All heavy atoms as atom14 arrays in JSON, in Angstrom:
{
  "sequence": "FGWEIDDLDESYGAPVDELLFNEGELVLRAYSAKNAEDQVLVTLS",
  "atom14_mask": [
    [1, 1, 1, 1, 1, 1, 1, 1, 1, 1, 1, 0, 0, 0],
    [1, 1, 1, 1, 0, 0, 0, 0, 0, 0, 0, 0, 0, 0],
    [1, 1, 1, 1, 1, 1, 1, 1, 1, 1, 1, 1, 1, 1],
    [1, 1, 1, 1, 1, 1, 1, 1, 1, 0, 0, 0, 0, 0],
    [1, 1, 1, 1, 1, 1, 1, 1, 0, 0, 0, 0, 0, 0],
    [1, 1, 1, 1, 1, 1, 1, 1, 0, 0, 0, 0, 0, 0],
    [1, 1, 1, 1, 1, 1, 1, 1, 0, 0, 0, 0, 0, 0],
    [1, 1, 1, 1, 1, 1, 1, 1, 0, 0, 0, 0, 0, 0],
    [1, 1, 1, 1, 1, 1, 1, 1, 0, 0, 0, 0, 0, 0],
    [1, 1, 1, 1, 1, 1, 1, 1, 1, 0, 0, 0, 0, 0],
    [1, 1, 1, 1, 1, 1, 0, 0, 0, 0, 0, 0, 0, 0],
    [1, 1, 1, 1, 1, 1, 1, 1, 1, 1, 1, 1, 0, 0],
    [1, 1, 1, 1, 0, 0, 0, 0, 0, 0, 0, 0, 0, 0],
    [1, 1, 1, 1, 1, 0, 0, 0, 0, 0, 0, 0, 0, 0],
    [1, 1, 1, 1, 1, 1, 1, 0, 0, 0, 0, 0, 0, 0],
    [1, 1, 1, 1, 1, 1, 1, 0, 0, 0, 0, 0, 0, 0],
    [1, 1, 1, 1, 1, 1, 1, 1, 0, 0, 0, 0, 0, 0],
    [1, 1, 1, 1, 1, 1, 1, 1, 1, 0, 0, 0, 0, 0],
    [1, 1, 1, 1, 1, 1, 1, 1, 0, 0, 0, 0, 0, 0],
    [1, 1, 1, 1, 1, 1, 1, 1, 0, 0, 0, 0, 0, 0],
    [1, 1, 1, 1, 1, 1, 1, 1, 1, 1, 1, 0, 0, 0],
    [1, 1, 1, 1, 1, 1, 1, 1, 0, 0, 0, 0, 0, 0],
    [1, 1, 1, 1, 1, 1, 1, 1, 1, 0, 0, 0, 0, 0],
    [1, 1, 1, 1, 0, 0, 0, 0, 0, 0, 0, 0, 0, 0],
    [1, 1, 1, 1, 1, 1, 1, 1, 1, 0, 0, 0, 0, 0],
    [1, 1, 1, 1, 1, 1, 1, 1, 0, 0, 0, 0, 0, 0],
    [1, 1, 1, 1, 1, 1, 1, 0, 0, 0, 0, 0, 0, 0],
    [1, 1, 1, 1, 1, 1, 1, 1, 0, 0, 0, 0, 0, 0],
    [1, 1, 1, 1, 1, 1, 1, 1, 1, 1, 1, 0, 0, 0],
    [1, 1, 1, 1, 1, 0, 0, 0, 0, 0, 0, 0, 0, 0],
    [1, 1, 1, 1, 1, 1, 1, 1, 1, 1, 1, 1, 0, 0],
    [1, 1, 1, 1, 1, 1, 0, 0, 0, 0, 0, 0, 0, 0],
    [1, 1, 1, 1, 1, 0, 0, 0, 0, 0, 0, 0, 0, 0],
    [1, 1, 1, 1, 1, 1, 1, 1, 1, 0, 0, 0, 0, 0],
    [1, 1, 1, 1, 1, 1, 1, 1, 0, 0, 0, 0, 0, 0],
    [1, 1, 1, 1, 1, 0, 0, 0, 0, 0, 0, 0, 0, 0],
    [1, 1, 1, 1, 1, 1, 1, 1, 1, 0, 0, 0, 0, 0],
    [1, 1, 1, 1, 1, 1, 1, 1, 0, 0, 0, 0, 0, 0],
    [1, 1, 1, 1, 1, 1, 1, 1, 1, 0, 0, 0, 0, 0],
    [1, 1, 1, 1, 1, 1, 1, 0, 0, 0, 0, 0, 0, 0],
    [1, 1, 1, 1, 1, 1, 1, 1, 0, 0, 0, 0, 0, 0],
    [1, 1, 1, 1, 1, 1, 1, 0, 0, 0, 0, 0, 0, 0],
    [1, 1, 1, 1, 1, 1, 1, 0, 0, 0, 0, 0, 0, 0],
    [1, 1, 1, 1, 1, 1, 1, 1, 0, 0, 0, 0, 0, 0],
    [1, 1, 1, 1, 1, 1, 0, 0, 0, 0, 0, 0, 0, 0]
  ],
  "atom14_positions": [
    [[-36.4, 144.29, -52.07], [-35.12, 145.02, -52.4], [-34.0, 144.37, -51.84], [-34.1, 144.01, -50.6], [-35.24, 146.51, -52.03], [-34.04, 147.25, -52.28], [-33.9, 147.82, -53.55], [-32.96, 147.42, -51.4], [-32.9, 148.71, -53.98], [-31.74, 148.06, -51.79], [-31.83, 148.85, -52.94], [0.0, 0.0, 0.0], [0.0, 0.0, 0.0], [0.0, 0.0, 0.0]],
    [[-32.94, 143.94, -52.64], [-31.73, 143.29, -52.1], [-31.89, 141.88, -51.94], [-30.98, 141.2, -51.45], [0.0, 0.0, 0.0], [0.0, 0.0, 0.0], [0.0, 0.0, 0.0], [0.0, 0.0, 0.0], [0.0, 0.0, 0.0], [0.0, 0.0, 0.0], [0.0, 0.0, 0.0], [0.0, 0.0, 0.0], [0.0, 0.0, 0.0], [0.0, 0.0, 0.0]],
    [[-32.93, 141.16, -52.54], [-33.04, 139.79, -52.57], [-32.01, 139.35, -53.62], [-31.98, 139.89, -54.74], [-34.38, 139.29, -52.95], [-35.4, 139.42, -51.72], [-35.19, 140.14, -50.62], [-36.74, 138.81, -51.71], [-36.28, 140.15, -49.8], [-37.35, 139.33, -50.52], [-37.5, 138.0, -52.57], [-38.43, 138.8, -50.16], [-38.73, 137.6, -52.17], [-39.27, 138.03, -50.93]],
    [[-31.34, 138.17, -53.3], [-30.41, 137.7, -54.25], [-31.1, 136.88, -55.28], [-32.02, 136.07, -55.04], [-29.3, 136.96, -53.48], [-28.34, 137.69, -52.76], [-27.12, 137.0, -52.26], [-27.18, 135.84, -52.42], [-26.27, 137.68, -51.7], [0.0, 0.0, 0.0], [0.0, 0.0, 0.0], [0.0, 0.0, 0.0], [0.0, 0.0, 0.0], [0.0, 0.0, 0.0]],
    [[-30.49, 136.94, -56.6], [-31.21, 136.18, -57.72], [-31.2, 134.66, -57.39], [-32.21, 133.95, -57.73], [-30.44, 136.42, -59.05], [-31.42, 135.95, -60.12], [-29.13, 135.92, -59.04], [-31.02, 136.58, -61.56], [0.0, 0.0, 0.0], [0.0, 0.0, 0.0], [0.0, 0.0, 0.0], [0.0, 0.0, 0.0], [0.0, 0.0, 0.0], [0.0, 0.0, 0.0]],
    [[-30.28, 134.11, -56.7], [-30.21, 132.61, -56.3], [-31.32, 132.19, -55.5], [-31.68, 131.09, -55.42], [-28.87, 132.38, -55.74], [-27.67, 132.39, -56.73], [-28.09, 132.41, -58.06], [-26.52, 132.48, -56.33], [0.0, 0.0, 0.0], [0.0, 0.0, 0.0], [0.0, 0.0, 0.0], [0.0, 0.0, 0.0], [0.0, 0.0, 0.0], [0.0, 0.0, 0.0]],
    [[-31.88, 133.2, -54.8], [-32.98, 132.95, -53.62], [-34.31, 132.82, -54.53], [-35.08, 132.3, -53.83], [-33.1, 133.88, -52.56], [-31.95, 133.94, -51.8], [-31.27, 132.89, -51.55], [-31.46, 135.06, -51.27], [0.0, 0.0, 0.0], [0.0, 0.0, 0.0], [0.0, 0.0, 0.0], [0.0, 0.0, 0.0], [0.0, 0.0, 0.0], [0.0, 0.0, 0.0]],
    [[-34.45, 133.33, -55.65], [-35.76, 133.47, -56.32], [-36.47, 132.26, -56.67], [-37.67, 132.14, -56.72], [-35.59, 134.49, -57.4], [-35.22, 135.87, -57.09], [-35.37, 136.69, -58.2], [-36.05, 136.45, -55.86], [0.0, 0.0, 0.0], [0.0, 0.0, 0.0], [0.0, 0.0, 0.0], [0.0, 0.0, 0.0], [0.0, 0.0, 0.0], [0.0, 0.0, 0.0]],
    [[-35.62, 131.13, -57.02], [-36.1, 129.86, -57.37], [-36.57, 129.08, -56.0], [-37.3, 128.13, -56.26], [-35.16, 128.98, -58.07], [-34.99, 129.44, -59.67], [-35.84, 130.3, -60.07], [-34.12, 128.99, -60.33], [0.0, 0.0, 0.0], [0.0, 0.0, 0.0], [0.0, 0.0, 0.0], [0.0, 0.0, 0.0], [0.0, 0.0, 0.0], [0.0, 0.0, 0.0]],
    [[-36.12, 129.37, -55.04], [-36.3, 128.62, -53.76], [-37.68, 129.03, -53.21], [-38.24, 130.18, -53.35], [-35.2, 128.87, -52.72], [-33.91, 128.65, -53.17], [-33.55, 127.05, -53.5], [-34.31, 126.27, -52.91], [-32.51, 126.87, -54.14], [0.0, 0.0, 0.0], [0.0, 0.0, 0.0], [0.0, 0.0, 0.0], [0.0, 0.0, 0.0], [0.0, 0.0, 0.0]],
    [[-38.25, 128.05, -52.49], [-39.58, 128.3, -51.88], [-39.52, 129.45, -50.94], [-40.66, 130.23, -50.58], [-40.21, 127.06, -51.19], [-39.27, 126.43, -50.34], [0.0, 0.0, 0.0], [0.0, 0.0, 0.0], [0.0, 0.0, 0.0], [0.0, 0.0, 0.0], [0.0, 0.0, 0.0], [0.0, 0.0, 0.0], [0.0, 0.0, 0.0], [0.0, 0.0, 0.0]],
    [[-38.38, 129.53, -50.14], [-38.32, 130.66, -49.2], [-38.15, 131.99, -49.81], [-38.29, 132.98, -49.12], [-37.14, 130.44, -48.19], [-35.83, 130.37, -48.87], [-35.17, 131.64, -49.25], [-35.22, 129.25, -49.01], [-33.94, 131.51, -49.93], [-33.89, 129.13, -49.62], [-33.3, 130.27, -50.02], [-32.05, 130.32, -50.61], [0.0, 0.0, 0.0], [0.0, 0.0, 0.0]],
    [[-37.91, 132.13, -51.13], [-37.95, 133.36, -51.84], [-39.05, 133.62, -52.63], [-39.06, 134.45, -53.67], [0.0, 0.0, 0.0], [0.0, 0.0, 0.0], [0.0, 0.0, 0.0], [0.0, 0.0, 0.0], [0.0, 0.0, 0.0], [0.0, 0.0, 0.0], [0.0, 0.0, 0.0], [0.0, 0.0, 0.0], [0.0, 0.0, 0.0], [0.0, 0.0, 0.0]],
    [[-40.17, 133.05, -52.32], [-41.47, 133.1, -53.04], [-41.8, 134.63, -53.07], [-42.02, 135.32, -52.09], [-42.52, 132.31, -52.57], [0.0, 0.0, 0.0], [0.0, 0.0, 0.0], [0.0, 0.0, 0.0], [0.0, 0.0, 0.0], [0.0, 0.0, 0.0], [0.0, 0.0, 0.0], [0.0, 0.0, 0.0], [0.0, 0.0, 0.0], [0.0, 0.0, 0.0]],
    [[-42.3, 135.24, -54.31], [-42.62, 136.65, -54.44], [-43.98, 136.86, -53.71], [-44.73, 135.9, -53.32], [-42.57, 136.91, -55.92], [-41.91, 135.88, -56.59], [-42.0, 134.6, -55.68], [0.0, 0.0, 0.0], [0.0, 0.0, 0.0], [0.0, 0.0, 0.0], [0.0, 0.0, 0.0], [0.0, 0.0, 0.0], [0.0, 0.0, 0.0], [0.0, 0.0, 0.0]],
    [[-44.42, 138.12, -53.63], [-45.67, 138.44, -53.02], [-46.42, 139.32, -53.99], [-45.93, 140.42, -54.58], [-45.56, 139.29, -51.73], [-46.8, 139.75, -51.13], [-44.71, 138.34, -50.65], [0.0, 0.0, 0.0], [0.0, 0.0, 0.0], [0.0, 0.0, 0.0], [0.0, 0.0, 0.0], [0.0, 0.0, 0.0], [0.0, 0.0, 0.0], [0.0, 0.0, 0.0]],
    [[-47.8, 138.91, -54.08], [-48.72, 139.73, -54.89], [-49.98, 139.74, -54.17], [-50.19, 139.02, -53.14], [-48.74, 139.23, -56.28], [-49.0, 140.48, -57.25], [-49.56, 141.4, -56.93], [-48.76, 140.16, -58.52], [0.0, 0.0, 0.0], [0.0, 0.0, 0.0], [0.0, 0.0, 0.0], [0.0, 0.0, 0.0], [0.0, 0.0, 0.0], [0.0, 0.0, 0.0]],
    [[-51.13, 140.36, -54.87], [-52.41, 140.37, -54.17], [-53.03, 138.94, -54.24], [-53.7, 138.55, -53.22], [-53.4, 141.21, -55.03], [-53.0, 142.73, -54.88], [-51.95, 143.15, -55.84], [-51.57, 142.28, -56.79], [-51.51, 144.29, -55.8], [0.0, 0.0, 0.0], [0.0, 0.0, 0.0], [0.0, 0.0, 0.0], [0.0, 0.0, 0.0], [0.0, 0.0, 0.0]],
    [[-52.74, 138.08, -55.19], [-53.16, 136.69, -55.27], [-52.12, 135.81, -54.91], [-51.0, 135.86, -55.57], [-53.84, 136.44, -56.54], [-55.09, 137.26, -57.11], [-55.43, 137.02, -58.41], [-56.23, 137.22, -56.0], [0.0, 0.0, 0.0], [0.0, 0.0, 0.0], [0.0, 0.0, 0.0], [0.0, 0.0, 0.0], [0.0, 0.0, 0.0], [0.0, 0.0, 0.0]],
    [[-52.35, 134.83, -54.04], [-51.21, 134.0, -53.61], [-51.83, 132.64, -53.54], [-53.0, 132.37, -53.3], [-50.66, 134.45, -52.3], [-50.06, 135.75, -52.24], [-49.92, 136.19, -50.78], [-48.75, 135.8, -52.83], [0.0, 0.0, 0.0], [0.0, 0.0, 0.0], [0.0, 0.0, 0.0], [0.0, 0.0, 0.0], [0.0, 0.0, 0.0], [0.0, 0.0, 0.0]],
    [[-50.96, 131.65, -53.72], [-51.37, 130.17, -53.73], [-50.39, 129.29, -53.03], [-49.18, 129.38, -53.36], [-51.68, 129.65, -55.09], [-52.17, 128.21, -55.18], [-53.38, 127.98, -54.54], [-51.49, 127.26, -55.79], [-53.84, 126.66, -54.53], [-51.93, 125.99, -55.71], [-53.08, 125.67, -55.21], [0.0, 0.0, 0.0], [0.0, 0.0, 0.0], [0.0, 0.0, 0.0]],
    [[-50.84, 128.33, -52.0], [-49.98, 127.29, -51.54], [-48.73, 127.83, -50.86], [-47.64, 127.26, -50.86], [-49.59, 126.33, -52.57], [-49.26, 124.95, -51.97], [-49.82, 124.5, -51.09], [-48.12, 124.38, -52.47], [0.0, 0.0, 0.0], [0.0, 0.0, 0.0], [0.0, 0.0, 0.0], [0.0, 0.0, 0.0], [0.0, 0.0, 0.0], [0.0, 0.0, 0.0]],
    [[-48.79, 129.1, -50.3], [-47.65, 129.67, -49.66], [-46.46, 129.85, -50.65], [-45.17, 129.76, -50.21], [-47.22, 128.92, -48.36], [-48.21, 128.92, -47.4], [-47.92, 128.28, -46.06], [-46.82, 127.79, -45.98], [-48.84, 128.3, -45.05], [0.0, 0.0, 0.0], [0.0, 0.0, 0.0], [0.0, 0.0, 0.0], [0.0, 0.0, 0.0], [0.0, 0.0, 0.0]],
    [[-46.7, 130.04, -51.85], [-45.8, 130.36, -52.95], [-44.93, 129.1, -53.37], [-43.98, 129.25, -54.03], [0.0, 0.0, 0.0], [0.0, 0.0, 0.0], [0.0, 0.0, 0.0], [0.0, 0.0, 0.0], [0.0, 0.0, 0.0], [0.0, 0.0, 0.0], [0.0, 0.0, 0.0], [0.0, 0.0, 0.0], [0.0, 0.0, 0.0], [0.0, 0.0, 0.0]],
    [[-45.35, 127.89, -52.95], [-44.55, 126.79, -53.05], [-45.06, 125.68, -54.16], [-46.29, 125.49, -54.13], [-44.22, 125.96, -51.77], [-43.42, 124.82, -51.92], [-43.06, 124.22, -50.54], [-42.35, 124.88, -49.67], [-43.42, 123.09, -50.28], [0.0, 0.0, 0.0], [0.0, 0.0, 0.0], [0.0, 0.0, 0.0], [0.0, 0.0, 0.0], [0.0, 0.0, 0.0]],
    [[-44.27, 125.21, -55.01], [-44.65, 124.13, -55.82], [-43.53, 123.07, -55.84], [-42.47, 123.24, -55.5], [-44.97, 124.55, -57.36], [-43.63, 124.84, -58.28], [-43.96, 124.32, -59.62], [-43.37, 126.35, -58.26], [0.0, 0.0, 0.0], [0.0, 0.0, 0.0], [0.0, 0.0, 0.0], [0.0, 0.0, 0.0], [0.0, 0.0, 0.0], [0.0, 0.0, 0.0]],
    [[-43.91, 121.84, -56.2], [-43.14, 120.56, -56.2], [-43.02, 120.08, -57.56], [-44.19, 119.81, -58.25], [-43.55, 119.59, -55.17], [-42.67, 118.34, -55.37], [-43.5, 120.15, -53.86], [0.0, 0.0, 0.0], [0.0, 0.0, 0.0], [0.0, 0.0, 0.0], [0.0, 0.0, 0.0], [0.0, 0.0, 0.0], [0.0, 0.0, 0.0], [0.0, 0.0, 0.0]],
    [[-41.88, 119.9, -58.11], [-41.69, 119.15, -59.45], [-41.04, 117.85, -59.09], [-39.93, 117.69, -58.47], [-40.76, 120.03, -60.36], [-40.51, 119.4, -61.69], [-40.19, 120.49, -62.76], [-39.23, 118.47, -61.69], [0.0, 0.0, 0.0], [0.0, 0.0, 0.0], [0.0, 0.0, 0.0], [0.0, 0.0, 0.0], [0.0, 0.0, 0.0], [0.0, 0.0, 0.0]],
    [[-41.66, 116.84, -59.56], [-41.07, 115.5, -59.52], [-40.71, 114.87, -60.76], [-41.47, 114.98, -61.72], [-42.14, 114.47, -58.82], [-42.39, 114.81, -57.31], [-43.28, 113.85, -56.71], [-43.44, 114.02, -55.2], [-44.28, 114.92, -54.59], [-45.09, 115.65, -55.35], [-44.34, 115.04, -53.31], [0.0, 0.0, 0.0], [0.0, 0.0, 0.0], [0.0, 0.0, 0.0]],
    [[-39.48, 114.37, -60.89], [-39.09, 113.65, -62.03], [-38.91, 112.19, -61.83], [-38.35, 111.8, -60.81], [-37.67, 114.31, -62.42], [0.0, 0.0, 0.0], [0.0, 0.0, 0.0], [0.0, 0.0, 0.0], [0.0, 0.0, 0.0], [0.0, 0.0, 0.0], [0.0, 0.0, 0.0], [0.0, 0.0, 0.0], [0.0, 0.0, 0.0], [0.0, 0.0, 0.0]],
    [[-39.25, 111.42, -62.77], [-39.19, 109.95, -62.78], [-38.47, 109.45, -64.03], [-38.69, 109.92, -65.12], [-40.59, 109.36, -62.74], [-41.48, 109.73, -61.58], [-42.16, 111.02, -61.71], [-41.46, 109.27, -60.28], [-43.0, 111.38, -60.66], [-42.18, 109.67, -59.28], [-42.95, 110.72, -59.43], [-43.68, 111.15, -58.38], [0.0, 0.0, 0.0], [0.0, 0.0, 0.0]],
    [[-37.64, 108.48, -63.83], [-36.83, 107.97, -65.0], [-37.79, 107.22, -65.86], [-38.74, 106.68, -65.46], [-35.85, 107.04, -64.5], [-36.29, 105.86, -63.92], [0.0, 0.0, 0.0], [0.0, 0.0, 0.0], [0.0, 0.0, 0.0], [0.0, 0.0, 0.0], [0.0, 0.0, 0.0], [0.0, 0.0, 0.0], [0.0, 0.0, 0.0], [0.0, 0.0, 0.0]],
    [[-37.46, 107.2, -67.21], [-38.19, 106.37, -68.14], [-37.83, 105.01, -68.12], [-36.76, 104.63, -67.42], [-38.1, 106.96, -69.54], [0.0, 0.0, 0.0], [0.0, 0.0, 0.0], [0.0, 0.0, 0.0], [0.0, 0.0, 0.0], [0.0, 0.0, 0.0], [0.0, 0.0, 0.0], [0.0, 0.0, 0.0], [0.0, 0.0, 0.0], [0.0, 0.0, 0.0]],
    [[-38.48, 104.05, -68.81], [-38.09, 102.56, -68.9], [-36.79, 102.37, -69.38], [-35.98, 101.54, -69.09], [-39.21, 101.86, -69.47], [-38.94, 100.34, -69.51], [-40.28, 99.65, -70.24], [-39.93, 98.13, -70.13], [-41.14, 97.38, -70.68], [0.0, 0.0, 0.0], [0.0, 0.0, 0.0], [0.0, 0.0, 0.0], [0.0, 0.0, 0.0], [0.0, 0.0, 0.0]],
    [[-36.56, 103.18, -70.51], [-35.29, 102.95, -71.33], [-34.32, 104.12, -71.14], [-34.73, 105.19, -71.13], [-35.75, 102.75, -72.72], [-36.64, 101.4, -73.03], [-36.41, 100.45, -72.41], [-37.68, 101.65, -73.82], [0.0, 0.0, 0.0], [0.0, 0.0, 0.0], [0.0, 0.0, 0.0], [0.0, 0.0, 0.0], [0.0, 0.0, 0.0], [0.0, 0.0, 0.0]],
    [[-33.08, 103.74, -71.2], [-32.05, 104.78, -71.28], [-32.16, 105.6, -72.5], [-32.6, 105.18, -73.6], [-30.66, 104.11, -71.17], [0.0, 0.0, 0.0], [0.0, 0.0, 0.0], [0.0, 0.0, 0.0], [0.0, 0.0, 0.0], [0.0, 0.0, 0.0], [0.0, 0.0, 0.0], [0.0, 0.0, 0.0], [0.0, 0.0, 0.0], [0.0, 0.0, 0.0]],
    [[-31.71, 107.0, -72.42], [-31.72, 107.92, -73.45], [-33.14, 108.38, -73.7], [-33.45, 109.4, -74.4], [-31.23, 107.32, -74.83], [-29.83, 106.84, -74.7], [-28.86, 107.92, -74.25], [-29.04, 109.09, -74.53], [-27.89, 107.53, -73.44], [0.0, 0.0, 0.0], [0.0, 0.0, 0.0], [0.0, 0.0, 0.0], [0.0, 0.0, 0.0], [0.0, 0.0, 0.0]],
    [[-34.24, 107.95, -73.03], [-35.56, 108.44, -73.16], [-35.85, 109.6, -72.17], [-35.09, 109.69, -71.15], [-36.65, 107.47, -72.92], [-36.86, 106.39, -73.94], [-36.21, 106.59, -75.07], [-37.5, 105.38, -73.86], [0.0, 0.0, 0.0], [0.0, 0.0, 0.0], [0.0, 0.0, 0.0], [0.0, 0.0, 0.0], [0.0, 0.0, 0.0], [0.0, 0.0, 0.0]],
    [[-36.67, 110.56, -72.57], [-36.86, 111.71, -71.79], [-37.51, 111.27, -70.39], [-38.28, 110.27, -70.27], [-37.93, 112.7, -72.43], [-38.05, 113.96, -71.85], [-39.04, 114.87, -72.76], [-40.21, 114.4, -72.91], [-38.62, 115.99, -73.19], [0.0, 0.0, 0.0], [0.0, 0.0, 0.0], [0.0, 0.0, 0.0], [0.0, 0.0, 0.0], [0.0, 0.0, 0.0]],
    [[-37.13, 111.94, -69.46], [-37.64, 111.59, -67.93], [-39.14, 112.05, -67.98], [-39.57, 112.81, -68.78], [-36.85, 112.34, -66.94], [-35.43, 111.8, -66.9], [-36.91, 113.76, -66.86], [0.0, 0.0, 0.0], [0.0, 0.0, 0.0], [0.0, 0.0, 0.0], [0.0, 0.0, 0.0], [0.0, 0.0, 0.0], [0.0, 0.0, 0.0], [0.0, 0.0, 0.0]],
    [[-39.8, 111.59, -66.9], [-41.29, 111.88, -66.85], [-41.28, 113.03, -65.71], [-40.55, 112.99, -64.77], [-42.08, 110.71, -66.41], [-41.96, 109.55, -67.32], [-42.77, 108.32, -66.87], [-42.33, 109.9, -68.75], [0.0, 0.0, 0.0], [0.0, 0.0, 0.0], [0.0, 0.0, 0.0], [0.0, 0.0, 0.0], [0.0, 0.0, 0.0], [0.0, 0.0, 0.0]],
    [[-42.2, 114.01, -65.92], [-42.34, 115.12, -64.94], [-43.79, 115.29, -64.68], [-44.74, 115.23, -65.32], [-41.71, 116.38, -65.6], [-41.98, 117.55, -64.7], [-40.31, 116.23, -66.14], [0.0, 0.0, 0.0], [0.0, 0.0, 0.0], [0.0, 0.0, 0.0], [0.0, 0.0, 0.0], [0.0, 0.0, 0.0], [0.0, 0.0, 0.0], [0.0, 0.0, 0.0]],
    [[-43.92, 115.53, -63.25], [-45.25, 115.97, -62.75], [-45.0, 117.34, -61.83], [-44.01, 117.39, -61.26], [-45.89, 114.9, -61.84], [-45.14, 114.76, -60.59], [-46.02, 113.67, -62.71], [0.0, 0.0, 0.0], [0.0, 0.0, 0.0], [0.0, 0.0, 0.0], [0.0, 0.0, 0.0], [0.0, 0.0, 0.0], [0.0, 0.0, 0.0], [0.0, 0.0, 0.0]],
    [[-46.16, 118.06, -61.78], [-46.13, 119.31, -61.01], [-47.3, 119.23, -60.0], [-48.24, 118.66, -60.32], [-46.23, 120.58, -61.78], [-45.22, 121.04, -62.8], [-45.58, 122.11, -63.62], [-43.89, 121.36, -61.96], [0.0, 0.0, 0.0], [0.0, 0.0, 0.0], [0.0, 0.0, 0.0], [0.0, 0.0, 0.0], [0.0, 0.0, 0.0], [0.0, 0.0, 0.0]],
    [[-47.05, 119.75, -58.76], [-48.1, 119.86, -57.82], [-47.89, 121.14, -57.05], [-46.8, 121.49, -56.76], [-48.22, 118.6, -57.0], [-47.02, 118.5, -56.24], [0.0, 0.0, 0.0], [0.0, 0.0, 0.0], [0.0, 0.0, 0.0], [0.0, 0.0, 0.0], [0.0, 0.0, 0.0], [0.0, 0.0, 0.0], [0.0, 0.0, 0.0], [0.0, 0.0, 0.0]]
  ]
}
């Protein structure tokens, strides 16, 4: 109660439920493509 919406995307604002994983934290990495205007490459872990 009273958590600010801007905090919810941050790892320190991870919600709590019965099932939890990796202390609520995930990492998104973005890599540039070879050519300009191409979509960047994305991985999650």
